[in-house]
């Protein structure tokens, strides 16, 4: 969520370590938002079976926000979400 209270959505490539911790590199604005509001949601596009993965977590930022800021997300819960009916 941005300073104006509106939801922010970004698209990034993520890596997941053996403990399920998500790591990515984000831009300065997204990093600043994560510092100010660390509760985040991560959504993966549907897999072949049509189910998406939605994970809630807490983001932390390494260093000052800049154009290529490393971010880590500790996942607190996740759910596979079924496809919406057409």
N, C-alpha and C. Protein backbone atom coordinates (compact mmCIF):
# COMPACT_ATOMS: atom_id res chain seq x y z
N UNK A 1 0.84 -1.17 0.00
CA UNK A 1 0.00 0.00 0.00
C UNK A 1 0.89 1.24 0.00
N UNK A 2 0.52 2.19 -0.78
CA UNK A 2 1.29 3.42 -0.87
C UNK A 2 0.88 4.42 0.20
N UNK A 3 1.56 5.56 0.23
CA UNK A 3 1.25 6.61 1.19
C UNK A 3 -0.18 7.11 1.05
N UNK A 4 -0.75 6.97 -0.15
CA UNK A 4 -2.11 7.45 -0.38
C UNK A 4 -3.18 6.43 0.02
N UNK A 5 -2.77 5.29 0.57
CA UNK A 5 -3.71 4.27 1.01
C UNK A 5 -4.15 3.31 -0.06
N UNK A 6 -3.66 3.49 -1.28
CA UNK A 6 -4.04 2.60 -2.38
C UNK A 6 -3.09 1.41 -2.44
N UNK A 7 -3.63 0.27 -2.82
CA UNK A 7 -2.83 -0.95 -2.95
C UNK A 7 -1.82 -0.79 -4.06
N UNK A 8 -0.62 -1.31 -3.84
CA UNK A 8 0.43 -1.29 -4.86
C UNK A 8 0.70 -2.72 -5.29
N UNK A 9 0.87 -2.92 -6.57
CA UNK A 9 1.17 -4.24 -7.12
C UNK A 9 2.42 -4.11 -7.98
N UNK A 10 3.36 -5.02 -7.76
CA UNK A 10 4.56 -5.05 -8.60
C UNK A 10 4.80 -6.47 -9.07
N UNK A 11 5.56 -6.61 -10.12
CA UNK A 11 5.91 -7.91 -10.68
C UNK A 11 7.42 -8.07 -10.54
N UNK A 12 7.85 -9.11 -9.83
CA UNK A 12 9.28 -9.34 -9.65
C UNK A 12 9.59 -10.83 -9.75
N UNK A 13 10.82 -11.13 -10.09
CA UNK A 13 11.32 -12.50 -10.06
C UNK A 13 11.73 -12.79 -8.62
N UNK A 14 11.28 -13.93 -8.08
CA UNK A 14 11.60 -14.27 -6.71
C UNK A 14 12.41 -15.56 -6.66
N UNK A 15 13.17 -15.70 -5.58
CA UNK A 15 13.86 -16.94 -5.25
C UNK A 15 13.33 -17.37 -3.89
N UNK A 16 13.24 -18.68 -3.67
CA UNK A 16 12.77 -19.21 -2.39
C UNK A 16 13.85 -20.13 -1.86
N UNK A 17 14.29 -19.87 -0.62
CA UNK A 17 15.34 -20.71 -0.06
C UNK A 17 14.73 -21.98 0.54
N UNK A 18 15.54 -22.83 1.11
CA UNK A 18 15.10 -24.11 1.66
C UNK A 18 14.16 -23.99 2.84
N UNK A 19 14.09 -22.82 3.47
CA UNK A 19 13.17 -22.60 4.60
C UNK A 19 11.87 -21.95 4.16
N UNK A 20 11.71 -21.68 2.86
CA UNK A 20 10.51 -21.03 2.36
C UNK A 20 10.55 -19.52 2.43
N UNK A 21 11.73 -18.96 2.67
CA UNK A 21 11.88 -17.50 2.71
C UNK A 21 12.01 -16.98 1.29
N UNK A 22 11.24 -15.96 0.96
CA UNK A 22 11.23 -15.38 -0.38
C UNK A 22 12.25 -14.25 -0.44
N UNK A 23 13.03 -14.23 -1.51
CA UNK A 23 14.00 -13.16 -1.72
C UNK A 23 13.81 -12.61 -3.13
N UNK A 24 13.94 -11.29 -3.25
CA UNK A 24 13.77 -10.64 -4.54
C UNK A 24 14.56 -9.33 -4.53
N UNK A 25 14.63 -8.71 -5.69
CA UNK A 25 15.23 -7.38 -5.82
C UNK A 25 14.13 -6.48 -6.35
N UNK A 26 13.89 -5.36 -5.65
CA UNK A 26 12.82 -4.43 -6.02
C UNK A 26 13.39 -3.03 -6.20
N UNK A 27 12.57 -2.16 -6.75
CA UNK A 27 12.97 -0.77 -6.95
C UNK A 27 12.84 0.06 -5.68
N UNK A 28 13.28 1.29 -5.77
CA UNK A 28 13.32 2.19 -4.62
C UNK A 28 11.93 2.40 -4.01
N UNK A 29 10.92 2.64 -4.84
CA UNK A 29 9.57 2.89 -4.33
C UNK A 29 8.99 1.69 -3.60
N UNK A 30 9.13 0.51 -4.19
CA UNK A 30 8.62 -0.71 -3.55
C UNK A 30 9.37 -0.99 -2.25
N UNK A 31 10.67 -0.75 -2.24
CA UNK A 31 11.45 -0.96 -1.02
C UNK A 31 11.02 0.00 0.08
N UNK A 32 10.80 1.27 -0.27
CA UNK A 32 10.36 2.25 0.72
C UNK A 32 8.98 1.87 1.28
N UNK A 33 8.10 1.38 0.42
CA UNK A 33 6.79 0.92 0.89
C UNK A 33 6.93 -0.25 1.83
N UNK A 34 7.83 -1.19 1.55
CA UNK A 34 8.04 -2.34 2.42
C UNK A 34 8.60 -1.93 3.78
N UNK A 35 9.45 -0.91 3.80
CA UNK A 35 9.98 -0.41 5.07
C UNK A 35 8.84 0.21 5.89
N UNK A 36 8.00 1.01 5.25
CA UNK A 36 6.91 1.70 5.95
C UNK A 36 5.76 0.76 6.32
N UNK A 37 5.49 -0.23 5.46
CA UNK A 37 4.37 -1.14 5.66
C UNK A 37 4.83 -2.55 5.30
N UNK A 38 5.46 -3.27 6.24
CA UNK A 38 6.10 -4.54 5.92
C UNK A 38 5.16 -5.73 5.69
N UNK A 39 3.88 -5.62 6.03
CA UNK A 39 2.96 -6.73 5.76
C UNK A 39 2.65 -6.76 4.27
N UNK A 40 2.95 -7.89 3.63
CA UNK A 40 2.80 -8.00 2.18
C UNK A 40 2.08 -9.30 1.81
N UNK A 41 1.59 -9.34 0.57
CA UNK A 41 0.99 -10.54 0.00
C UNK A 41 1.72 -10.83 -1.31
N UNK A 42 2.06 -12.10 -1.52
CA UNK A 42 2.72 -12.53 -2.75
C UNK A 42 1.77 -13.48 -3.47
N UNK A 43 1.59 -13.25 -4.77
CA UNK A 43 0.68 -14.07 -5.58
C UNK A 43 1.45 -14.68 -6.74
N UNK A 44 1.32 -16.00 -6.89
CA UNK A 44 1.90 -16.69 -8.04
C UNK A 44 0.81 -16.98 -9.04
N UNK A 45 1.13 -16.86 -10.30
CA UNK A 45 0.19 -17.17 -11.38
C UNK A 45 -0.23 -18.64 -11.27
N UNK A 46 -1.38 -18.98 -11.84
CA UNK A 46 -1.85 -20.36 -11.74
C UNK A 46 -0.86 -21.37 -12.31
N UNK A 47 -0.78 -22.50 -11.62
CA UNK A 47 0.03 -23.63 -12.09
C UNK A 47 -0.77 -24.39 -13.15
N UNK A 48 -0.22 -25.46 -13.65
CA UNK A 48 -0.91 -26.24 -14.69
C UNK A 48 -2.26 -26.74 -14.23
N UNK A 49 -2.42 -26.98 -12.92
CA UNK A 49 -3.71 -27.47 -12.41
C UNK A 49 -4.72 -26.34 -12.21
N UNK A 50 -4.32 -25.08 -12.52
CA UNK A 50 -5.22 -23.95 -12.40
C UNK A 50 -5.19 -23.25 -11.06
N UNK A 51 -4.52 -23.84 -10.06
CA UNK A 51 -4.47 -23.25 -8.74
C UNK A 51 -3.35 -22.21 -8.64
N UNK A 52 -3.65 -21.08 -8.00
CA UNK A 52 -2.65 -20.05 -7.70
C UNK A 52 -2.16 -20.27 -6.28
N UNK A 53 -1.03 -19.67 -5.94
CA UNK A 53 -0.53 -19.69 -4.57
C UNK A 53 -0.53 -18.26 -4.06
N UNK A 54 -1.12 -18.04 -2.89
CA UNK A 54 -1.16 -16.73 -2.26
C UNK A 54 -0.49 -16.86 -0.90
N UNK A 55 0.53 -16.04 -0.64
CA UNK A 55 1.27 -16.12 0.62
C UNK A 55 1.27 -14.76 1.31
N UNK A 56 0.98 -14.77 2.61
CA UNK A 56 1.09 -13.58 3.45
C UNK A 56 2.45 -13.61 4.11
N UNK A 57 3.07 -12.45 4.27
CA UNK A 57 4.37 -12.42 4.92
C UNK A 57 4.76 -11.04 5.40
N UNK A 58 5.94 -11.00 5.98
CA UNK A 58 6.50 -9.75 6.48
C UNK A 58 7.80 -9.49 5.74
N UNK A 59 7.89 -8.32 5.12
CA UNK A 59 9.05 -7.96 4.31
C UNK A 59 10.09 -7.23 5.15
N UNK A 60 11.34 -7.46 4.82
CA UNK A 60 12.43 -6.67 5.40
C UNK A 60 13.37 -6.27 4.27
N UNK A 61 13.95 -5.11 4.41
CA UNK A 61 14.78 -4.52 3.37
C UNK A 61 16.21 -4.39 3.88
N UNK A 62 17.16 -4.77 3.03
CA UNK A 62 18.57 -4.63 3.38
C UNK A 62 19.06 -3.26 2.93
N UNK A 63 19.45 -2.41 3.86
CA UNK A 63 19.99 -1.10 3.51
C UNK A 63 18.92 -0.09 3.15
N UNK A 64 19.37 1.01 2.59
CA UNK A 64 18.48 2.09 2.18
C UNK A 64 17.81 1.74 0.84
N UNK A 65 16.53 2.09 0.68
CA UNK A 65 15.87 1.85 -0.61
C UNK A 65 16.62 2.54 -1.75
N UNK A 66 16.85 1.79 -2.83
CA UNK A 66 17.49 2.31 -4.03
C UNK A 66 16.90 1.57 -5.23
N UNK A 67 17.44 1.76 -6.38
CA UNK A 67 16.88 1.16 -7.59
C UNK A 67 16.96 -0.35 -7.68
N UNK A 68 17.82 -0.97 -6.88
CA UNK A 68 17.98 -2.43 -6.91
C UNK A 68 18.14 -2.95 -5.47
N UNK A 69 17.08 -2.83 -4.70
CA UNK A 69 17.13 -3.15 -3.28
C UNK A 69 16.77 -4.61 -3.01
N UNK A 70 17.65 -5.35 -2.32
CA UNK A 70 17.28 -6.72 -1.91
C UNK A 70 16.18 -6.67 -0.85
N UNK A 71 15.20 -7.54 -0.99
CA UNK A 71 14.10 -7.63 -0.04
C UNK A 71 13.91 -9.10 0.33
N UNK A 72 13.58 -9.34 1.59
CA UNK A 72 13.32 -10.69 2.09
C UNK A 72 11.92 -10.71 2.67
N UNK A 73 11.17 -11.78 2.39
CA UNK A 73 9.81 -11.91 2.91
C UNK A 73 9.73 -13.23 3.68
N UNK A 74 9.45 -13.11 4.98
CA UNK A 74 9.21 -14.27 5.83
C UNK A 74 7.73 -14.61 5.72
N UNK A 75 7.42 -15.77 5.16
CA UNK A 75 6.03 -16.17 4.94
C UNK A 75 5.40 -16.62 6.26
N UNK A 76 4.21 -16.10 6.55
CA UNK A 76 3.50 -16.48 7.77
C UNK A 76 2.36 -17.47 7.49
N UNK A 77 1.80 -17.40 6.29
CA UNK A 77 0.76 -18.35 5.89
C UNK A 77 0.65 -18.34 4.38
N UNK A 78 0.12 -19.43 3.85
CA UNK A 78 -0.06 -19.53 2.39
C UNK A 78 -1.23 -20.46 2.10
N UNK A 79 -1.84 -20.24 0.95
CA UNK A 79 -2.96 -21.07 0.53
C UNK A 79 -2.93 -21.22 -0.99
N UNK A 80 -3.27 -22.43 -1.45
CA UNK A 80 -3.50 -22.62 -2.88
C UNK A 80 -4.94 -22.22 -3.14
N UNK A 81 -5.15 -21.39 -4.14
CA UNK A 81 -6.48 -20.87 -4.41
C UNK A 81 -7.01 -21.46 -5.71
N UNK A 82 -8.21 -22.00 -5.63
CA UNK A 82 -8.79 -22.64 -6.82
C UNK A 82 -9.16 -21.61 -7.87
N UNK A 83 -9.25 -22.03 -9.11
CA UNK A 83 -9.64 -21.10 -10.17
C UNK A 83 -11.06 -20.58 -9.95
N UNK A 84 -11.29 -19.35 -10.35
CA UNK A 84 -12.64 -18.78 -10.28
C UNK A 84 -13.51 -19.39 -11.37
N UNK A 85 -14.78 -19.64 -11.06
CA UNK A 85 -15.66 -20.18 -12.11
C UNK A 85 -15.88 -19.13 -13.19
N UNK A 86 -16.03 -19.61 -14.41
CA UNK A 86 -16.27 -18.71 -15.54
C UNK A 86 -17.74 -18.49 -15.76
